[in-house]
Amino acid sequence: MQREIVLNNTKYETKPVECWAKMKELRRWHFKHTWEVAARGGTVFIGMPEGIQGFLAGLGDYAYPSYGPYFTRMIRDSQQTIKVLEATEARGHTRDMCSVMKAYIGQLYMGMATRAPQGYTIKPAFVIQTLNCHTMAQTGQLYSEYLGIPYLAIDMPHKSSPETLEYGTAQLLEAIEWMEKITGKKYDDEKLIEGVKNEWKSARLWASIQIMNQNIPAPYDLRMTWSLRMPLISMRERPEVVDYLKMLYDETKYRVNNQISARGMETMRLFFEGFPPYYYIQILKQPQEYGAIYIINENNLGHGLWKIQSDGTYQIGETLEERGIPIRNREEAVRAEMALYFDRGRSGTWYFPPSRHIEVVKRAKDWKCQAGVIALDRGCHGYQVSIMERKMALQEAGFLVGTFEHSQADPREFSEAQTVDRMEAFFDSLGLKKLVSAGVENEDAEE
């Protein structure tokens, strides 16, 4: 049975996000940091070990360019992105592989991955990669062979148990000895402990901010939080990011208490499942033309500390102190890092289809959505596991669901005109009408 759709035509106060400038400052700092660390003789490595950043803090003065130092700049220029993708395909890689990893490899083949803005090149000390998927594993191997540097792959379990906790802990302890041998530098246990504690704090703060977005009116829409989350992706173990998130938490609480809305209207609250096309991120703003907003996304939630209940409810996870987890030495810190890996929403359930259709329905209900959109992404095969089962579960729960196809990092797999028309037809079917004014409030908040 279809859920009743009631449009909310209330107009709320709105204002720009004050923490936006801090987020942009941190992003600029992170870009420059890689080259500054290299110039100082610190440790620079390659890889995407996003789930264990506190663990990496023990390296001391370190940096890594994650998806490539120029990924964000590149993806905003579709012609440049296509050149990078074609550089990968020219080496024999197929077009249907993960588009983000293809863009990552292409930066390597074109010399972008190790070239500083000033023109000089650096040689990373090693490659370290958590095996979140088979394509990441293979990409790490390609970087290792091409640059002639050592490669360590860490097999991260996808489901929590006493056995997998010990298995992951043992691997990280071995990885420390491996990194010390490769770099000739002593690993700093005090920085490890501080980094793990900071990472727990960052994840908890982000979860608390996301829960407040259940409020009506929502303090932020998905386009805002998609960018506000960026410092968590690459440096959430740093005290500067914890401070930023504390500021954002306080601002969010103020916006909720004073009914300050993301856009001034939310005629309808919509979920957005899957990755948006990175080169056309403005798709997340399309509902604004109707006074509606996208409000929730699984990937966005995945940077938080959660305790996901059996019915799919996202509950803010307990702190280290509340869980009684001590961190007094290397082994305890590494074990706490693995515990956090399992408690971040994106780590386990993404690869465990039996629970995903339950969670997607509960998310839509708890964040007070009335309908939503699923992005059918040809660029990430792993995320698409059970995607249509989730669509059916949402429809069976009474939600109207629209879809469009794309590849998250390949502009050649996306038709802007077709997708915009398809989404307009879907929004019309929901009973939404375009606003008379062509302006979009708070427009300057994202750009």
Protein backbone atom coordinates (compact mmCIF):
# COMPACT_ATOMS: atom_id res chain seq x y z
CA MET A 1 0.00 0.00 0.00
CA GLN A 2 1.34 3.40 -0.99
CA ARG A 3 2.10 5.74 1.88
CA GLU A 4 0.06 8.92 1.99
CA ILE A 5 2.01 11.92 0.73
CA VAL A 6 1.29 15.21 2.48
CA LEU A 7 3.20 18.23 1.22
CA ASN A 8 4.66 20.61 3.78
CA ASN A 9 4.31 24.18 2.51
CA THR A 10 5.62 25.82 5.68
CA LYS A 11 8.30 28.42 5.12
CA TYR A 12 11.15 28.38 7.62
CA GLU A 13 14.04 30.65 8.43
CA THR A 14 17.27 29.70 6.68
CA LYS A 15 20.87 30.91 6.78
CA PRO A 16 24.27 29.84 5.41
CA VAL A 17 26.23 27.19 7.29
CA GLU A 18 28.82 28.98 9.43
CA CYS A 19 31.15 25.95 9.60
CA TRP A 20 31.40 25.83 5.82
CA ALA A 21 34.50 28.02 5.78
CA LYS A 22 36.24 25.74 8.29
CA MET A 23 35.46 22.69 6.19
CA LYS A 24 36.95 24.37 3.11
CA GLU A 25 40.01 25.41 5.11
CA LEU A 26 40.63 21.81 6.22
CA ARG A 27 40.26 20.53 2.67
CA ARG A 28 42.80 23.05 1.35
CA TRP A 29 45.17 22.14 4.17
CA HIS A 30 44.92 18.44 3.36
CA PHE A 31 45.82 19.03 -0.29
CA LYS A 32 48.95 21.01 0.59
CA HIS A 33 49.89 18.72 3.48
CA THR A 34 51.01 15.84 1.23
CA TRP A 35 53.68 17.91 -0.47
CA GLU A 36 54.77 19.65 2.72
CA VAL A 37 55.30 16.29 4.47
CA ALA A 38 57.32 15.05 1.52
CA ALA A 39 59.50 18.18 1.59
CA ARG A 40 60.15 17.68 5.33
CA GLY A 41 61.18 14.08 4.86
CA GLY A 42 58.07 12.70 6.55
CA THR A 43 56.32 9.49 5.51
CA VAL A 44 54.16 9.70 2.39
CA PHE A 45 52.43 6.55 1.22
CA ILE A 46 49.79 5.54 -1.32
CA GLY A 47 46.54 3.70 -0.73
CA MET A 48 42.99 4.10 0.57
CA PRO A 49 43.00 2.72 4.13
CA GLU A 50 39.99 4.88 5.07
CA GLY A 51 38.75 2.63 7.84
CA ILE A 52 41.94 2.71 9.95
CA GLN A 53 43.10 6.32 10.08
CA GLY A 54 43.70 6.33 13.82
CA PHE A 55 46.04 3.39 13.30
CA LEU A 56 48.03 5.39 10.75
CA ALA A 57 48.57 8.26 13.22
CA GLY A 58 51.41 6.25 14.76
CA LEU A 59 53.49 7.05 11.67
CA GLY A 60 53.92 10.56 13.06
CA ASP A 61 54.49 13.13 10.32
CA TYR A 62 52.66 11.35 7.52
CA ALA A 63 50.37 12.01 4.57
CA TYR A 64 48.61 10.09 1.84
CA PRO A 65 46.65 11.49 -1.11
CA SER A 66 43.82 8.94 -0.86
CA TYR A 67 42.04 8.73 -4.24
CA GLY A 68 44.83 10.72 -5.83
CA PRO A 69 45.92 14.26 -4.94
CA TYR A 70 44.00 15.83 -7.83
CA PHE A 71 40.87 13.67 -7.78
CA THR A 72 38.48 16.41 -6.65
CA ARG A 73 39.82 18.97 -9.11
CA MET A 74 39.88 16.41 -11.91
CA ILE A 75 36.32 15.18 -11.37
CA ARG A 76 34.94 18.72 -11.72
CA ASP A 77 36.30 18.84 -15.28
CA SER A 78 34.61 16.10 -17.30
CA GLN A 79 37.00 16.42 -20.24
CA GLN A 80 40.01 16.00 -17.97
CA THR A 81 38.33 13.07 -16.22
CA ILE A 82 37.73 11.34 -19.55
CA LYS A 83 41.42 11.77 -20.49
CA VAL A 84 42.43 10.11 -17.21
CA LEU A 85 39.98 7.24 -17.73
CA GLU A 86 41.18 6.72 -21.30
CA ALA A 87 44.77 6.58 -20.06
CA THR A 88 43.75 3.61 -17.93
CA GLU A 89 41.87 1.90 -20.74
CA ALA A 90 44.85 2.38 -23.07
CA ARG A 91 46.78 0.09 -20.70
CA GLY A 92 44.27 -2.71 -21.26
CA HIS A 93 41.84 -2.13 -18.40
CA THR A 94 38.22 -2.64 -19.33
CA ARG A 95 35.63 0.12 -19.36
CA ASP A 96 33.31 -1.75 -17.01
CA MET A 97 35.70 -1.83 -14.03
CA CYS A 98 35.13 0.44 -11.00
CA SER A 99 35.21 3.98 -12.40
CA VAL A 100 36.74 5.53 -9.27
CA MET A 101 39.60 3.03 -9.27
CA LYS A 102 40.04 3.59 -12.99
CA ALA A 103 40.39 7.33 -12.34
CA TYR A 104 42.82 6.51 -9.53
CA ILE A 105 45.00 4.36 -11.78
CA GLY A 106 44.80 6.88 -14.60
CA GLN A 107 46.32 9.55 -12.36
CA LEU A 108 49.25 7.17 -11.83
CA TYR A 109 49.76 6.49 -15.55
CA MET A 110 49.58 10.22 -16.36
CA GLY A 111 52.10 11.12 -13.63
CA MET A 112 49.54 13.05 -11.57
CA ALA A 113 49.64 10.78 -8.52
CA THR A 114 53.18 11.73 -7.55
CA ARG A 115 53.59 15.19 -9.09
CA ALA A 116 53.45 18.20 -6.78
CA PRO A 117 51.77 21.44 -7.93
CA GLN A 118 55.27 22.98 -8.08
CA GLY A 119 56.29 20.42 -10.70
CA TYR A 120 58.62 18.09 -8.79
CA THR A 121 57.77 14.43 -8.17
CA ILE A 122 57.83 12.34 -5.03
CA LYS A 123 58.26 8.62 -4.45
CA PRO A 124 55.93 7.23 -1.77
CA ALA A 125 57.46 4.87 0.79
CA PHE A 126 54.92 2.09 0.29
CA VAL A 127 51.37 1.14 -0.64
CA ILE A 128 48.98 0.06 2.11
CA GLN A 129 45.44 -0.99 1.25
CA THR A 130 42.54 -2.40 3.22
CA LEU A 131 40.78 -4.96 1.07
CA ASN A 132 37.33 -3.42 0.95
CA CYS A 133 36.82 -4.87 -2.52
CA HIS A 134 38.78 -6.85 -5.12
CA THR A 135 39.33 -3.80 -7.34
CA MET A 136 41.01 -1.87 -4.54
CA ALA A 137 43.27 -4.84 -3.91
CA GLN A 138 44.31 -5.04 -7.56
CA THR A 139 44.78 -1.28 -7.80
CA GLY A 140 47.17 -1.32 -4.85
CA GLN A 141 49.19 -4.03 -6.59
CA LEU A 142 49.35 -1.97 -9.80
CA TYR A 143 50.63 1.08 -7.91
CA SER A 144 53.24 -1.06 -6.18
CA GLU A 145 54.53 -2.58 -9.43
CA TYR A 146 54.48 0.69 -11.39
CA LEU A 147 56.30 2.74 -8.73
CA GLY A 148 58.53 -0.09 -7.53
CA ILE A 149 57.53 0.22 -3.88
CA PRO A 150 56.43 -2.36 -1.27
CA TYR A 151 52.74 -3.25 -0.93
CA LEU A 152 50.85 -4.41 2.14
CA ALA A 153 47.27 -5.63 1.79
CA ILE A 154 45.18 -5.86 4.95
CA ASP A 155 42.29 -8.29 4.83
CA MET A 156 39.48 -6.56 6.71
CA PRO A 157 36.61 -8.83 7.79
CA HIS A 158 33.12 -7.63 6.95
CA LYS A 159 31.28 -9.03 9.96
CA SER A 160 32.04 -8.52 13.63
CA SER A 161 32.78 -11.42 15.95
CA PRO A 162 35.39 -12.15 18.64
CA GLU A 163 37.35 -14.11 16.04
CA THR A 164 37.32 -11.38 13.36
CA LEU A 165 38.24 -8.76 15.95
CA GLU A 166 41.34 -10.75 16.89
CA TYR A 167 42.11 -11.51 13.24
CA GLY A 168 42.05 -7.82 12.29
CA THR A 169 44.02 -6.80 15.38
CA ALA A 170 46.76 -9.31 14.60
CA GLN A 171 47.09 -7.98 11.05
CA LEU A 172 47.43 -4.37 12.19
CA LEU A 173 50.06 -5.29 14.78
CA GLU A 174 52.04 -7.07 12.07
CA ALA A 175 51.56 -4.06 9.78
CA ILE A 176 53.25 -1.80 12.34
CA GLU A 177 56.38 -3.92 12.31
CA TRP A 178 56.27 -4.02 8.50
CA MET A 179 56.03 -0.19 8.23
CA GLU A 180 58.89 0.28 10.70
CA LYS A 181 61.05 -2.03 8.60
CA ILE A 182 60.16 -0.30 5.32
CA THR A 183 60.59 3.28 6.54
CA GLY A 184 63.36 2.77 9.08
CA LYS A 185 61.34 4.96 11.46
CA LYS A 186 60.00 4.02 14.88
CA TYR A 187 56.24 3.84 15.14
CA ASP A 188 54.86 6.23 17.80
CA ASP A 189 52.45 4.45 20.17
CA GLU A 190 51.43 7.70 21.88
CA LYS A 191 50.32 9.19 18.56
CA LEU A 192 48.51 5.93 17.79
CA ILE A 193 46.55 6.16 21.05
CA GLU A 194 45.69 9.81 20.44
CA GLY A 195 44.68 9.12 16.83
CA VAL A 196 42.38 6.22 17.72
CA LYS A 197 40.68 8.25 20.45
CA ASN A 198 40.20 11.15 18.05
CA GLU A 199 38.75 8.87 15.39
CA TRP A 200 36.18 7.54 17.87
CA LYS A 201 35.26 11.11 18.82
CA SER A 202 34.90 12.17 15.18
CA ALA A 203 32.68 9.22 14.33
CA ARG A 204 30.48 9.78 17.38
CA LEU A 205 30.08 13.51 16.62
CA TRP A 206 29.15 12.81 13.00
CA ALA A 207 26.51 10.29 14.07
CA SER A 208 25.06 12.83 16.51
CA ILE A 209 24.90 15.46 13.75
CA GLN A 210 23.19 13.05 11.37
CA ILE A 211 20.59 12.07 13.98
CA MET A 212 19.67 15.74 14.44
CA ASN A 213 18.88 15.85 10.72
CA GLN A 214 15.78 13.77 11.54
CA ASN A 215 14.30 17.02 12.82
CA ILE A 216 11.61 18.93 10.89
CA PRO A 217 12.81 21.24 9.45
CA ALA A 218 16.15 19.60 8.76
CA PRO A 219 19.16 21.80 9.53
CA TYR A 220 20.95 20.50 6.42
CA ASP A 221 20.09 18.73 3.20
CA LEU A 222 22.16 15.98 1.61
CA ARG A 223 24.06 18.35 -0.68
CA MET A 224 25.30 20.20 2.39
CA THR A 225 26.27 17.14 4.45
CA TRP A 226 27.89 15.52 1.42
CA SER A 227 30.53 18.26 1.57
CA LEU A 228 30.51 18.78 5.33
CA ARG A 229 31.61 15.16 5.76
CA MET A 230 34.75 15.57 3.63
CA PRO A 231 37.29 16.06 6.46
CA LEU A 232 36.17 12.72 7.93
CA ILE A 233 37.14 10.85 4.78
CA SER A 234 40.83 11.64 4.89
CA MET A 235 41.81 12.97 8.34
CA ARG A 236 39.28 12.19 11.04
CA GLU A 237 42.06 11.10 13.42
CA ARG A 238 43.38 14.65 13.66
CA PRO A 239 42.47 16.97 16.58
CA GLU A 240 41.65 19.73 14.09
CA VAL A 241 38.85 17.60 12.64
CA VAL A 242 37.50 16.79 16.10
CA ASP A 243 37.41 20.52 16.83
CA TYR A 244 35.66 21.18 13.50
CA LEU A 245 33.02 18.55 14.25
CA LYS A 246 32.44 19.97 17.72
CA MET A 247 31.79 23.35 16.10
CA LEU A 248 29.49 21.73 13.55
CA TYR A 249 27.65 19.83 16.31
CA ASP A 250 27.04 23.06 18.24
CA GLU A 251 25.87 24.83 15.10
CA THR A 252 23.56 21.95 14.22
CA LYS A 253 22.04 21.98 17.70
CA TYR A 254 21.47 25.74 17.40
CA ARG A 255 19.81 25.33 14.00
CA VAL A 256 17.51 22.61 15.33
CA ASN A 257 16.56 24.54 18.46
CA ASN A 258 15.77 27.63 16.39
CA GLN A 259 14.09 25.81 13.47
CA ILE A 260 16.64 27.05 10.96
CA SER A 261 16.04 25.10 7.79
CA ALA A 262 18.47 23.84 5.18
CA ARG A 263 16.69 25.59 2.31
CA GLY A 264 13.77 27.48 3.83
CA MET A 265 11.25 24.88 2.60
CA GLU A 266 10.93 21.12 2.61
CA THR A 267 7.70 20.37 0.81
CA MET A 268 8.87 16.78 0.77
CA ARG A 269 11.78 14.88 2.35
CA LEU A 270 13.44 12.38 0.03
CA PHE A 271 16.03 9.65 0.54
CA PHE A 272 18.88 9.17 -1.96
CA GLU A 273 20.32 5.65 -2.09
CA GLY A 274 23.68 5.03 -3.72
CA PHE A 275 26.49 7.29 -4.92
CA PRO A 276 25.67 10.45 -6.86
CA PRO A 277 27.63 11.17 -10.06
CA TYR A 278 30.65 13.02 -8.71
CA TYR A 279 31.05 15.09 -11.90
CA TYR A 280 27.39 16.20 -11.64
CA ILE A 281 26.98 16.59 -7.90
CA GLN A 282 24.37 19.31 -8.49
CA ILE A 283 21.88 16.52 -9.02
CA LEU A 284 21.53 16.53 -5.23
CA LYS A 285 20.12 20.06 -5.50
CA GLN A 286 17.45 19.29 -8.11
CA PRO A 287 14.62 18.81 -5.55
CA GLN A 288 15.12 22.44 -4.45
CA GLU A 289 13.33 23.52 -7.61
CA TYR A 290 10.24 22.01 -6.00
CA GLY A 291 10.95 23.20 -2.45
CA ALA A 292 11.89 19.59 -1.57
CA ILE A 293 15.17 18.17 -0.24
CA TYR A 294 17.20 15.01 -0.26
CA ILE A 295 17.81 14.27 3.41
CA ILE A 296 19.55 10.93 3.91
CA ASN A 297 22.09 8.64 2.26
CA GLU A 298 23.68 5.39 3.48
CA ASN A 299 27.18 6.40 2.44
CA ASN A 300 26.88 9.70 4.28
CA LEU A 301 25.82 7.95 7.47
CA GLY A 302 28.68 5.50 7.13
CA HIS A 303 31.26 7.84 8.64
CA GLY A 304 29.46 7.80 11.98
CA LEU A 305 29.69 5.60 15.07
CA TRP A 306 26.53 3.49 15.11
CA LYS A 307 24.89 0.61 16.86
CA ILE A 308 22.52 -0.68 14.21
CA GLN A 309 19.60 -2.55 15.75
CA SER A 310 18.07 -5.75 14.36
CA ASP A 311 15.09 -3.76 13.07
CA GLY A 312 17.43 -1.48 11.09
CA THR A 313 17.40 1.46 13.50
CA TYR A 314 20.53 3.61 13.47
CA GLN A 315 21.36 4.31 17.11
CA ILE A 316 24.34 6.48 18.08
CA GLY A 317 27.13 4.18 19.22
CA GLU A 318 28.60 4.20 22.70
CA THR A 319 31.87 6.00 23.47
CA LEU A 320 35.05 4.19 24.41
CA GLU A 321 34.35 4.99 28.07
CA GLU A 322 30.74 3.78 27.88
CA ARG A 323 31.88 0.52 26.30
CA GLY A 324 34.63 0.09 28.85
CA ILE A 325 37.37 -0.14 26.23
CA PRO A 326 40.73 0.90 27.70
CA ILE A 327 43.51 2.29 25.52
CA ARG A 328 46.77 2.16 27.44
CA ASN A 329 49.15 0.56 24.97
CA ARG A 330 49.67 -0.41 21.35
CA GLU A 331 47.64 -3.62 21.38
CA GLU A 332 44.65 -2.05 23.15
CA ALA A 333 44.69 0.88 20.74
CA VAL A 334 44.79 -1.37 17.69
CA ARG A 335 41.97 -3.53 19.07
CA ALA A 336 39.91 -0.36 19.67
CA GLU A 337 40.60 0.67 16.08
CA MET A 338 39.21 -2.62 14.82
CA ALA A 339 36.16 -2.31 17.09
CA LEU A 340 35.45 1.11 15.57
CA TYR A 341 35.84 -0.32 12.07
CA PHE A 342 33.02 -2.74 12.77
CA ASP A 343 30.82 -0.09 14.42
CA ARG A 344 30.95 2.36 11.54
CA GLY A 345 27.77 1.80 9.56
CA ARG A 346 29.41 1.42 6.16
CA SER A 347 31.94 -1.25 7.12
CA GLY A 348 29.87 -4.35 7.78
CA THR A 349 26.39 -4.14 6.35
CA TRP A 350 27.44 -2.98 2.88
CA TYR A 351 28.68 -6.50 2.25
CA PHE A 352 25.91 -8.28 4.10
CA PRO A 353 22.79 -8.14 1.88
CA PRO A 354 20.36 -9.90 4.29
CA SER A 355 20.12 -6.79 6.49
CA ARG A 356 20.32 -4.00 3.93
CA HIS A 357 16.71 -4.08 2.77
CA ILE A 358 15.60 -3.84 6.42
CA GLU A 359 17.89 -0.90 7.14
CA VAL A 360 16.93 1.08 4.05
CA VAL A 361 13.24 1.06 4.97
CA LYS A 362 13.92 2.00 8.60
CA ARG A 363 16.22 4.83 7.51
CA ALA A 364 13.54 6.26 5.25
CA LYS A 365 11.02 6.14 8.09
CA ASP A 366 13.29 7.48 10.83
CA TRP A 367 14.48 10.43 8.74
CA LYS A 368 10.80 11.10 7.89
CA CYS A 369 11.07 10.61 4.15
CA GLN A 370 8.01 10.25 1.96
CA ALA A 371 9.68 8.96 -1.22
CA GLY A 372 13.12 8.80 -2.76
CA VAL A 373 15.58 7.97 -5.50
CA ILE A 374 18.00 5.08 -6.05
CA ALA A 375 21.07 5.68 -8.20
CA LEU A 376 21.86 2.56 -10.25
CA ASP A 377 25.62 2.94 -10.41
CA ARG A 378 27.58 0.99 -13.00
CA GLY A 379 30.79 2.35 -11.49
CA CYS A 380 30.74 0.39 -8.21
CA HIS A 381 29.75 -3.24 -8.54
CA GLY A 382 30.00 -4.04 -4.84
CA TYR A 383 27.54 -1.38 -3.73
CA GLN A 384 24.97 -2.61 -6.24
CA VAL A 385 24.66 -5.97 -4.48
CA SER A 386 21.01 -6.26 -3.38
CA ILE A 387 20.16 -2.78 -4.74
CA MET A 388 16.98 -3.95 -6.47
CA GLU A 389 15.94 -5.93 -3.39
CA ARG A 390 16.19 -2.67 -1.47
CA LYS A 391 14.03 -0.95 -4.05
CA MET A 392 11.39 -3.66 -3.71
CA ALA A 393 11.50 -3.45 0.09
CA LEU A 394 10.94 0.30 -0.07
CA GLN A 395 8.05 -0.13 -2.49
CA GLU A 396 6.50 -2.84 -0.34
CA ALA A 397 6.71 -0.41 2.60
CA GLY A 398 4.68 2.09 0.56
CA PHE A 399 7.45 4.41 -0.68
CA LEU A 400 7.47 5.65 -4.26
CA VAL A 401 10.96 5.12 -5.69
CA GLY A 402 12.56 6.71 -8.74
CA THR A 403 15.78 5.50 -10.38
CA PHE A 404 18.42 6.73 -12.79
CA GLU A 405 21.60 5.16 -14.18
CA HIS A 406 25.14 6.48 -14.12
CA SER A 407 28.74 5.63 -13.24
CA GLN A 408 30.01 7.62 -10.29
CA ALA A 409 33.32 8.75 -11.83
CA ASP A 410 32.77 8.24 -15.58
CA PRO A 411 30.91 11.09 -17.33
CA ARG A 412 30.61 8.95 -20.48
CA GLU A 413 28.09 6.75 -18.65
CA PHE A 414 25.70 9.60 -17.83
CA SER A 415 23.18 11.66 -19.78
CA GLU A 416 22.46 14.92 -18.01
CA ALA A 417 19.43 15.78 -20.15
CA GLN A 418 17.88 12.33 -19.87
CA THR A 419 18.45 12.13 -16.12
CA VAL A 420 17.11 15.60 -15.38
CA ASP A 421 14.00 14.85 -17.44
CA ARG A 422 13.56 11.49 -15.72
CA MET A 423 13.80 13.04 -12.28
CA GLU A 424 11.43 15.86 -13.21
CA ALA A 425 8.87 13.30 -14.32
CA PHE A 426 9.32 11.43 -11.02
CA PHE A 427 8.92 14.59 -8.94
CA ASP A 428 5.81 15.48 -10.92
CA SER A 429 4.38 12.04 -10.16
CA LEU A 430 4.81 12.79 -6.45
CA GLY A 431 2.57 15.82 -6.77
CA LEU A 432 5.42 18.30 -6.50
CA LYS A 433 5.26 21.53 -8.48
CA LYS A 434 8.16 23.72 -9.51
CA LEU A 435 8.47 26.93 -7.56
CA VAL A 436 7.74 30.14 -9.43
CA SER A 437 11.01 31.74 -8.32
CA ALA A 438 14.08 30.56 -10.21
CA GLY A 439 16.36 31.40 -7.32
CA VAL A 440 17.57 28.83 -4.81
CA GLU A 441 18.01 29.96 -1.24
CA ASN A 442 21.35 29.37 0.45
CA GLU A 443 22.89 28.70 -2.95
CA ASP A 444 26.28 30.04 -1.94
CA ALA A 445 26.57 27.46 0.84
CA GLU A 446 28.09 24.71 -1.31
CA GLU A 447 30.25 26.33 -3.95
